[in-house]
């Protein structure tokens, strides 16, 4: 469901937010039984990890981008790859 969303338009990101809320509500409502808290926590954490990976992937430089403006600080003050280097630490925490 979330992986098939075509990115690029603001309303698509709103769809990701709405689907994430729906997923969280479904996990909390439908996961029952032994170890339900552990399973819920694992599913929610995996989803947050996916969202974090998507965020970092979208920040990466692309061949077609005008990176000279980024380097000059016109659009983004730092190079996006610096964020990517922090991905593993953020997901692990």
C-alpha atoms as a PDB file:
ATOM      1  CA  UNK A   1       0.000   0.000   0.000  1.00  0.00           C
ATOM      2  CA  UNK A   2       2.563   2.611   1.056  1.00  0.00           C
ATOM      3  CA  UNK A   3       5.335   1.374  -1.236  1.00  0.00           C
ATOM      4  CA  UNK A   4       3.219   1.885  -4.371  1.00  0.00           C
ATOM      5  CA  UNK A   5       2.584   5.598  -3.822  1.00  0.00           C
ATOM      6  CA  UNK A   6       4.111   7.698  -6.570  1.00  0.00           C
ATOM      7  CA  UNK A   7       6.129  10.416  -4.886  1.00  0.00           C
ATOM      8  CA  UNK A   8       6.643  13.926  -6.137  1.00  0.00           C
ATOM      9  CA  UNK A   9       3.458  15.794  -5.319  1.00  0.00           C
ATOM     10  CA  UNK A  10       2.540  17.224  -1.902  1.00  0.00           C
ATOM     11  CA  UNK A  11      -0.750  15.312  -1.772  1.00  0.00           C
ATOM     12  CA  UNK A  12       1.198  12.045  -2.080  1.00  0.00           C
ATOM     13  CA  UNK A  13       3.044  12.831   1.142  1.00  0.00           C
ATOM     14  CA  UNK A  14      -0.302  13.533   2.796  1.00  0.00           C
ATOM     15  CA  UNK A  15      -1.347  10.064   1.661  1.00  0.00           C
ATOM     16  CA  UNK A  16       1.683   8.559   3.348  1.00  0.00           C
ATOM     17  CA  UNK A  17       0.779  10.363   6.577  1.00  0.00           C
ATOM     18  CA  UNK A  18      -2.831   9.196   6.406  1.00  0.00           C
ATOM     19  CA  UNK A  19      -1.862   5.614   5.564  1.00  0.00           C
ATOM     20  CA  UNK A  20       0.648   5.614   8.423  1.00  0.00           C
ATOM     21  CA  UNK A  21      -2.040   6.672  10.875  1.00  0.00           C
ATOM     22  CA  UNK A  22      -4.377   4.006   9.525  1.00  0.00           C
ATOM     23  CA  UNK A  23      -1.640   1.384   9.803  1.00  0.00           C
ATOM     24  CA  UNK A  24      -0.905   2.399  13.402  1.00  0.00           C
ATOM     25  CA  UNK A  25      -4.572   2.265  14.344  1.00  0.00           C
ATOM     26  CA  UNK A  26      -4.967  -1.132  12.662  1.00  0.00           C
ATOM     27  CA  UNK A  27      -1.930  -2.533  14.457  1.00  0.00           C
ATOM     28  CA  UNK A  28      -3.256  -1.332  17.813  1.00  0.00           C
ATOM     29  CA  UNK A  29      -6.771  -2.649  17.108  1.00  0.00           C
ATOM     30  CA  UNK A  30      -6.175  -5.988  15.419  1.00  0.00           C
ATOM     31  CA  UNK A  31      -3.079  -7.433  17.086  1.00  0.00           C
ATOM     32  CA  UNK A  32      -4.358  -9.518  19.983  1.00  0.00           C
ATOM     33  CA  UNK A  33      -3.084 -12.427  22.002  1.00  0.00           C
ATOM     34  CA  UNK A  34       0.196 -13.433  23.568  1.00  0.00           C
ATOM     35  CA  UNK A  35       3.007 -10.931  23.254  1.00  0.00           C
ATOM     36  CA  UNK A  36       0.648  -8.399  21.693  1.00  0.00           C
ATOM     37  CA  UNK A  37       2.576  -5.445  23.084  1.00  0.00           C
ATOM     38  CA  UNK A  38       5.863  -6.787  21.745  1.00  0.00           C
ATOM     39  CA  UNK A  39       4.376  -7.474  18.297  1.00  0.00           C
ATOM     40  CA  UNK A  40       2.706  -4.041  18.150  1.00  0.00           C
ATOM     41  CA  UNK A  41       5.933  -2.331  19.142  1.00  0.00           C
ATOM     42  CA  UNK A  42       7.920  -4.291  16.532  1.00  0.00           C
ATOM     43  CA  UNK A  43       5.480  -3.451  13.718  1.00  0.00           C
ATOM     44  CA  UNK A  44       5.316   0.238  14.608  1.00  0.00           C
ATOM     45  CA  UNK A  45       9.115   0.475  14.909  1.00  0.00           C
ATOM     46  CA  UNK A  46       9.561  -1.218  11.525  1.00  0.00           C
ATOM     47  CA  UNK A  47       7.160   1.250   9.964  1.00  0.00           C
ATOM     48  CA  UNK A  48       8.998   4.183  11.523  1.00  0.00           C
ATOM     49  CA  UNK A  49      12.255   2.727  10.179  1.00  0.00           C
ATOM     50  CA  UNK A  50      10.706   2.546   6.690  1.00  0.00           C
ATOM     51  CA  UNK A  51       9.562   6.167   6.939  1.00  0.00           C
ATOM     52  CA  UNK A  52      13.029   7.224   8.088  1.00  0.00           C
ATOM     53  CA  UNK A  53      14.671   5.341   5.215  1.00  0.00           C
ATOM     54  CA  UNK A  54      12.268   6.994   2.760  1.00  0.00           C
ATOM     55  CA  UNK A  55      13.052  10.419   4.208  1.00  0.00           C
ATOM     56  CA  UNK A  56      16.779   9.909   3.817  1.00  0.00           C
ATOM     57  CA  UNK A  57      16.393   8.431   0.323  1.00  0.00           C
ATOM     58  CA  UNK A  58      14.442  11.471  -0.816  1.00  0.00           C
ATOM     59  CA  UNK A  59      17.199  13.754   0.465  1.00  0.00           C
ATOM     60  CA  UNK A  60      19.913  12.162  -1.686  1.00  0.00           C
ATOM     61  CA  UNK A  61      21.382  14.085  -4.603  1.00  0.00           C
ATOM     62  CA  UNK A  62      20.067  13.237  -8.056  1.00  0.00           C
ATOM     63  CA  UNK A  63      21.918  13.595 -11.368  1.00  0.00           C
ATOM     64  CA  UNK A  64      19.327  15.980 -12.745  1.00  0.00           C
ATOM     65  CA  UNK A  65      19.310  18.332  -9.746  1.00  0.00           C
ATOM     66  CA  UNK A  66      20.944  21.732  -9.782  1.00  0.00           C
ATOM     67  CA  UNK A  67      23.436  20.929  -7.057  1.00  0.00           C
ATOM     68  CA  UNK A  68      25.393  24.145  -7.516  1.00  0.00           C
ATOM     69  CA  UNK A  69      22.540  25.995  -5.833  1.00  0.00           C
ATOM     70  CA  UNK A  70      22.563  23.542  -2.966  1.00  0.00           C
ATOM     71  CA  UNK A  71      26.307  23.959  -2.487  1.00  0.00           C
ATOM     72  CA  UNK A  72      25.942  27.747  -2.519  1.00  0.00           C
ATOM     73  CA  UNK A  73      23.370  27.416   0.259  1.00  0.00           C
ATOM     74  CA  UNK A  74      20.529  28.771  -1.843  1.00  0.00           C
ATOM     75  CA  UNK A  75      18.169  25.827  -1.201  1.00  0.00           C
ATOM     76  CA  UNK A  76      19.694  23.594   1.444  1.00  0.00           C
ATOM     77  CA  UNK A  77      22.503  24.764   3.705  1.00  0.00           C
ATOM     78  CA  UNK A  78      24.252  21.379   3.813  1.00  0.00           C
ATOM     79  CA  UNK A  79      24.789  18.545   1.380  1.00  0.00           C
ATOM     80  CA  UNK A  80      22.116  15.861   1.620  1.00  0.00           C
ATOM     81  CA  UNK A  81      24.587  13.011   1.895  1.00  0.00           C
ATOM     82  CA  UNK A  82      25.513  14.258   5.363  1.00  0.00           C
ATOM     83  CA  UNK A  83      21.994  13.317   6.451  1.00  0.00           C
ATOM     84  CA  UNK A  84      22.363   9.861   4.904  1.00  0.00           C
ATOM     85  CA  UNK A  85      25.410   9.180   7.049  1.00  0.00           C
ATOM     86  CA  UNK A  86      23.251   9.644  10.164  1.00  0.00           C
ATOM     87  CA  UNK A  87      20.531   7.231   8.997  1.00  0.00           C
ATOM     88  CA  UNK A  88      21.845   4.087  10.653  1.00  0.00           C
ATOM     89  CA  UNK A  89      22.289   5.791  14.025  1.00  0.00           C
ATOM     90  CA  UNK A  90      18.789   7.251  13.953  1.00  0.00           C
ATOM     91  CA  UNK A  91      17.115   3.971  12.991  1.00  0.00           C
ATOM     92  CA  UNK A  92      19.019   2.012  15.635  1.00  0.00           C
ATOM     93  CA  UNK A  93      17.984   4.448  18.363  1.00  0.00           C
END
